[in-house]
């Protein structure tokens, strides 16, 4: 296990503070690939901090922006603006430890859809991992009025993705139906985006969170998906490490 350095950070965008948590491998001696961790509709939880720590143990810089609920004037995710996340990421990758041209995204649930969206906006994105992501946006466009999503074709932004995507989903997901990933796959095929899809039979939503009170947790899917995710990120963001 690598020694870690971690802490909190924040950036102010038009008077609104966007905080975040970061974790770095200690004393690497060279700029690090960075993975941006996008939480879901329930907000930033200790699980997301642990994900950042696990990524750092694998040699990545990890940055988890708290993209809503961080300011009294914007108490919910419906106030999310793309400028907020882009500013937070841009501020973090100015750190000398980080390679600003080697960015990956990993998102969970609604954060999975946002990982795809923001990954499409940044040309320096090298890989995107989408865990049971909400990608259909059905009924959600009015809830995210500041993201400038095409109402006629909510997945139109996929055409701008210039890196491989890995999607991990349970086919018994009762929160974000697996049809979201199937629809994303159709869009990726349409726009020529490399898309690796892994479907877990009989597995529900949030299968990766190993909290004692998470009845949807699935140990086998957790272990398999995490190994796939890490190998995928290393393959596309650390091409010289033998992956």
Protein backbone atom coordinates (compact mmCIF):
# COMPACT_ATOMS: atom_id res chain seq x y z
CA UNK A 1 0.00 0.00 0.00
CA UNK A 2 1.35 3.42 -0.94
CA UNK A 3 1.65 6.21 1.60
CA UNK A 4 -1.05 8.80 1.03
CA UNK A 5 -1.51 12.53 1.31
CA UNK A 6 -5.08 13.80 1.48
CA UNK A 7 -7.05 16.89 2.33
CA UNK A 8 -9.85 19.27 1.47
CA UNK A 9 -9.89 21.92 -1.19
CA UNK A 10 -12.32 24.49 -2.58
CA UNK A 11 -12.79 26.96 -5.38
CA UNK A 12 -15.14 29.93 -5.51
CA UNK A 13 -17.17 30.35 -8.71
CA UNK A 14 -19.15 33.58 -8.95
CA UNK A 15 -19.41 33.78 -5.19
CA UNK A 16 -20.33 30.12 -4.69
CA UNK A 17 -17.87 27.83 -2.92
CA UNK A 18 -17.40 24.39 -4.51
CA UNK A 19 -15.50 22.19 -2.04
CA UNK A 20 -13.79 18.91 -2.71
CA UNK A 21 -11.68 16.12 -1.26
CA UNK A 22 -8.40 14.96 -2.74
CA UNK A 23 -6.01 12.10 -2.17
CA UNK A 24 -2.51 11.67 -3.60
CA UNK A 25 0.15 8.98 -3.50
CA UNK A 26 3.03 10.44 -1.49
CA UNK A 27 6.39 11.26 -3.09
CA UNK A 28 5.80 10.06 -6.63
CA UNK A 29 8.40 12.29 -8.25
CA UNK A 30 6.39 12.75 -11.45
CA UNK A 31 3.06 14.32 -12.47
CA UNK A 32 0.16 12.02 -11.69
CA UNK A 33 -2.85 11.02 -13.77
CA UNK A 34 -5.93 12.31 -11.96
CA UNK A 35 -9.32 10.62 -11.59
CA UNK A 36 -12.29 12.88 -10.84
CA UNK A 37 -14.82 11.05 -8.63
CA UNK A 38 -18.44 12.16 -9.13
CA UNK A 39 -20.90 11.35 -6.35
CA UNK A 40 -24.60 10.73 -6.93
CA UNK A 41 -27.85 12.42 -5.94
CA UNK A 42 -27.37 11.60 -2.25
CA UNK A 43 -24.31 13.83 -2.08
CA UNK A 44 -20.71 13.27 -1.07
CA UNK A 45 -20.46 10.39 1.42
CA UNK A 46 -17.56 8.71 3.25
CA UNK A 47 -17.70 6.01 0.57
CA UNK A 48 -16.57 8.51 -2.03
CA UNK A 49 -13.63 9.52 0.13
CA UNK A 50 -12.66 5.86 0.43
CA UNK A 51 -12.88 5.48 -3.34
CA UNK A 52 -10.47 8.42 -3.69
CA UNK A 53 -8.10 6.78 -1.21
CA UNK A 54 -8.23 3.46 -3.04
CA UNK A 55 -7.45 5.19 -6.33
CA UNK A 56 -4.47 6.92 -4.72
CA UNK A 57 -3.25 3.54 -3.49
CA UNK A 58 -3.25 2.48 -7.14
CA UNK A 59 -1.06 5.44 -8.11
CA UNK A 60 -3.64 8.01 -9.21
CA UNK A 61 -4.33 11.46 -7.91
CA UNK A 62 -8.02 11.47 -6.97
CA UNK A 63 -10.27 14.48 -6.69
CA UNK A 64 -13.91 14.36 -5.56
CA UNK A 65 -15.75 17.66 -6.04
CA UNK A 66 -18.82 18.18 -3.87
CA UNK A 67 -20.96 19.37 -6.71
CA UNK A 68 -24.09 20.28 -4.75
CA UNK A 69 -25.21 21.10 -1.25
CA UNK A 70 -22.06 23.09 -0.65
CA UNK A 71 -23.64 26.52 -0.40
CA UNK A 72 -26.83 27.71 1.36
CA UNK A 73 -27.94 29.48 -1.81
CA UNK A 74 -27.83 26.21 -3.77
CA UNK A 75 -29.08 23.44 -1.47
CA UNK A 76 -29.70 20.75 -4.06
CA UNK A 77 -28.29 19.13 -7.18
CA UNK A 78 -30.83 20.90 -9.38
CA UNK A 79 -28.65 24.00 -9.01
CA UNK A 80 -25.60 22.33 -10.51
CA UNK A 81 -23.89 24.42 -13.17
CA UNK A 82 -21.31 22.98 -15.47
CA UNK A 83 -19.07 25.99 -14.78
CA UNK A 84 -18.83 24.89 -11.14
CA UNK A 85 -17.44 21.43 -11.84
CA UNK A 86 -15.19 22.58 -14.67
CA UNK A 87 -13.74 25.32 -12.46
CA UNK A 88 -13.17 22.88 -9.59
CA UNK A 89 -11.39 20.39 -11.86
CA UNK A 90 -9.36 23.11 -13.58
CA UNK A 91 -8.27 24.47 -10.22
CA UNK A 92 -7.22 21.05 -8.93
CA UNK A 93 -5.17 20.09 -11.98
CA UNK A 94 -3.05 23.21 -11.51
CA UNK A 95 -1.36 21.39 -8.64
CA UNK A 96 2.26 20.54 -9.47
CA UNK A 97 1.71 16.88 -8.55
CA UNK A 98 -0.93 16.44 -11.25
CA UNK A 99 -0.73 15.97 -15.02
CA UNK A 100 -3.43 18.30 -16.44
CA UNK A 101 -3.39 16.42 -19.75
CA UNK A 102 -4.23 13.04 -18.22
CA UNK A 103 -7.67 13.15 -16.63
CA UNK A 104 -10.13 10.35 -15.97
CA UNK A 105 -13.65 10.34 -14.55
CA UNK A 106 -15.41 7.84 -12.31
CA UNK A 107 -19.05 8.43 -11.43
CA UNK A 108 -21.80 6.66 -9.52
CA UNK A 109 -25.54 6.76 -10.30
CA UNK A 110 -26.40 10.33 -11.33
CA UNK A 111 -22.69 10.98 -10.98
CA UNK A 112 -22.09 8.35 -13.65
CA UNK A 113 -24.08 10.39 -16.14
CA UNK A 114 -22.24 13.52 -15.06
CA UNK A 115 -18.87 11.78 -15.41
CA UNK A 116 -19.76 11.10 -19.04
CA UNK A 117 -21.02 14.64 -19.57
CA UNK A 118 -18.03 16.41 -18.06
CA UNK A 119 -15.61 13.92 -19.56
CA UNK A 120 -17.00 14.89 -22.94
CA UNK A 121 -16.33 18.57 -22.25
CA UNK A 122 -12.64 18.15 -21.40
CA UNK A 123 -10.33 17.20 -24.31
CA UNK A 124 -7.74 15.92 -21.82
CA UNK A 125 -10.07 13.13 -20.62
CA UNK A 126 -8.42 9.75 -21.20
CA UNK A 127 -10.96 7.33 -19.65
CA UNK A 128 -14.43 7.32 -18.08
CA UNK A 129 -15.82 4.74 -15.65
CA UNK A 130 -19.61 4.79 -15.33
CA UNK A 131 -21.03 2.90 -12.35
CA UNK A 132 -24.80 2.26 -12.75
CA UNK A 133 -25.12 5.74 -14.24
CA UNK A 134 -28.28 7.68 -14.95
CA UNK A 135 -27.76 8.45 -18.62
CA UNK A 136 -31.27 8.59 -20.08
CA UNK A 137 -31.95 11.97 -18.41
CA UNK A 138 -35.66 11.20 -18.82
CA UNK A 139 -37.62 13.52 -16.58
CA UNK A 140 -34.39 15.07 -15.38
CA UNK A 141 -33.74 17.86 -17.83
CA UNK A 142 -35.89 20.33 -15.93
CA UNK A 143 -34.06 19.32 -12.75
CA UNK A 144 -30.69 20.22 -14.30
CA UNK A 145 -31.50 23.45 -16.13
CA UNK A 146 -27.93 24.76 -16.20
CA UNK A 147 -26.20 21.86 -17.95
CA UNK A 148 -27.23 22.85 -21.49
CA UNK A 149 -28.28 19.32 -22.42
CA UNK A 150 -29.98 18.84 -25.78
CA UNK A 151 -33.64 18.17 -24.98
CA UNK A 152 -34.28 16.50 -28.32
CA UNK A 153 -31.31 14.15 -27.95
CA UNK A 154 -30.06 14.08 -24.32
CA UNK A 155 -27.13 11.84 -25.27
CA UNK A 156 -26.00 14.09 -28.09
CA UNK A 157 -22.98 15.07 -25.97
CA UNK A 158 -21.62 11.53 -26.38
CA UNK A 159 -20.37 12.56 -29.82
CA UNK A 160 -17.81 14.74 -28.01
CA UNK A 161 -16.32 11.91 -25.95
CA UNK A 162 -12.85 11.17 -27.29
CA UNK A 163 -11.81 8.38 -24.94
CA UNK A 164 -12.89 4.84 -23.97
CA UNK A 165 -15.80 4.32 -21.58
CA UNK A 166 -16.43 1.46 -19.15
CA UNK A 167 -19.98 0.93 -17.84
CA UNK A 168 -20.77 -1.36 -14.90
CA UNK A 169 -24.42 -2.09 -14.10
CA UNK A 170 -26.65 -4.65 -12.43
CA UNK A 171 -29.55 -5.94 -14.51
CA UNK A 172 -31.85 -5.86 -11.46
CA UNK A 173 -31.19 -2.19 -10.66
CA UNK A 174 -34.36 -0.79 -9.09
CA UNK A 175 -33.12 2.82 -8.95
CA UNK A 176 -31.42 3.38 -12.31
CA UNK A 177 -32.70 0.70 -14.71
CA UNK A 178 -30.06 -1.08 -16.77
CA UNK A 179 -31.77 0.31 -19.87
CA UNK A 180 -29.77 3.47 -19.14
CA UNK A 181 -26.57 1.63 -19.97
CA UNK A 182 -28.12 -0.02 -23.01
CA UNK A 183 -29.18 3.39 -24.31
CA UNK A 184 -25.71 4.76 -23.68
CA UNK A 185 -24.24 1.84 -25.60
CA UNK A 186 -26.44 2.63 -28.58
CA UNK A 187 -25.26 6.25 -28.49
CA UNK A 188 -21.63 5.17 -28.26
CA UNK A 189 -22.06 2.91 -31.27
CA UNK A 190 -23.76 5.73 -33.16
CA UNK A 191 -20.93 8.16 -32.48
CA UNK A 192 -18.03 5.71 -32.67
CA UNK A 193 -17.07 5.82 -28.98
CA UNK A 194 -15.30 2.78 -27.56
CA UNK A 195 -17.62 1.40 -24.89
CA UNK A 196 -17.00 -1.63 -22.70
CA UNK A 197 -20.17 -2.87 -20.96
CA UNK A 198 -20.29 -5.25 -18.00
CA UNK A 199 -23.73 -6.35 -16.76
CA UNK A 200 -24.11 -8.22 -13.46
CA UNK A 201 -27.09 -10.64 -13.42
CA UNK A 202 -29.42 -10.29 -10.46
CA UNK A 203 -27.51 -7.32 -9.03
CA UNK A 204 -29.22 -4.15 -7.81
CA UNK A 205 -28.18 -0.50 -7.56
CA UNK A 206 -25.30 0.67 -5.30
CA UNK A 207 -23.76 -2.79 -5.31
CA UNK A 208 -20.27 -1.43 -4.66
CA UNK A 209 -20.97 0.27 -1.32
CA UNK A 210 -20.08 -2.17 1.45
CA UNK A 211 -21.88 -0.35 4.28
CA UNK A 212 -23.44 -2.64 6.87
CA UNK A 213 -26.89 -1.19 6.16
CA UNK A 214 -26.69 -1.45 2.35
CA UNK A 215 -28.94 -4.38 1.46
CA UNK A 216 -28.02 -3.95 -2.22
CA UNK A 217 -24.33 -4.62 -1.66
CA UNK A 218 -22.97 -7.51 -3.71
CA UNK A 219 -19.48 -8.61 -2.79
CA UNK A 220 -18.72 -10.49 -6.00
CA UNK A 221 -19.87 -7.61 -8.22
CA UNK A 222 -17.99 -5.16 -6.01
CA UNK A 223 -14.68 -7.00 -6.32
CA UNK A 224 -15.04 -7.79 -10.01
CA UNK A 225 -16.14 -4.28 -10.98
CA UNK A 226 -13.42 -2.58 -8.98
CA UNK A 227 -10.69 -4.73 -10.50
CA UNK A 228 -12.08 -4.02 -13.96
CA UNK A 229 -12.30 -0.29 -13.25
CA UNK A 230 -8.74 0.00 -11.95
CA UNK A 231 -7.29 -2.05 -14.80
CA UNK A 232 -9.28 0.00 -17.31
CA UNK A 233 -8.00 3.29 -15.89
CA UNK A 234 -4.42 2.05 -15.77
CA UNK A 235 -4.60 0.73 -19.31
CA UNK A 236 -5.67 4.08 -20.70
CA UNK A 237 -4.02 6.49 -18.26
CA UNK A 238 -0.82 4.60 -17.36
CA UNK A 239 0.04 2.92 -20.67
CA UNK A 240 3.67 2.35 -19.67
CA UNK A 241 3.01 0.40 -16.49
CA UNK A 242 2.47 -2.96 -18.18
CA UNK A 243 -1.34 -3.02 -18.06
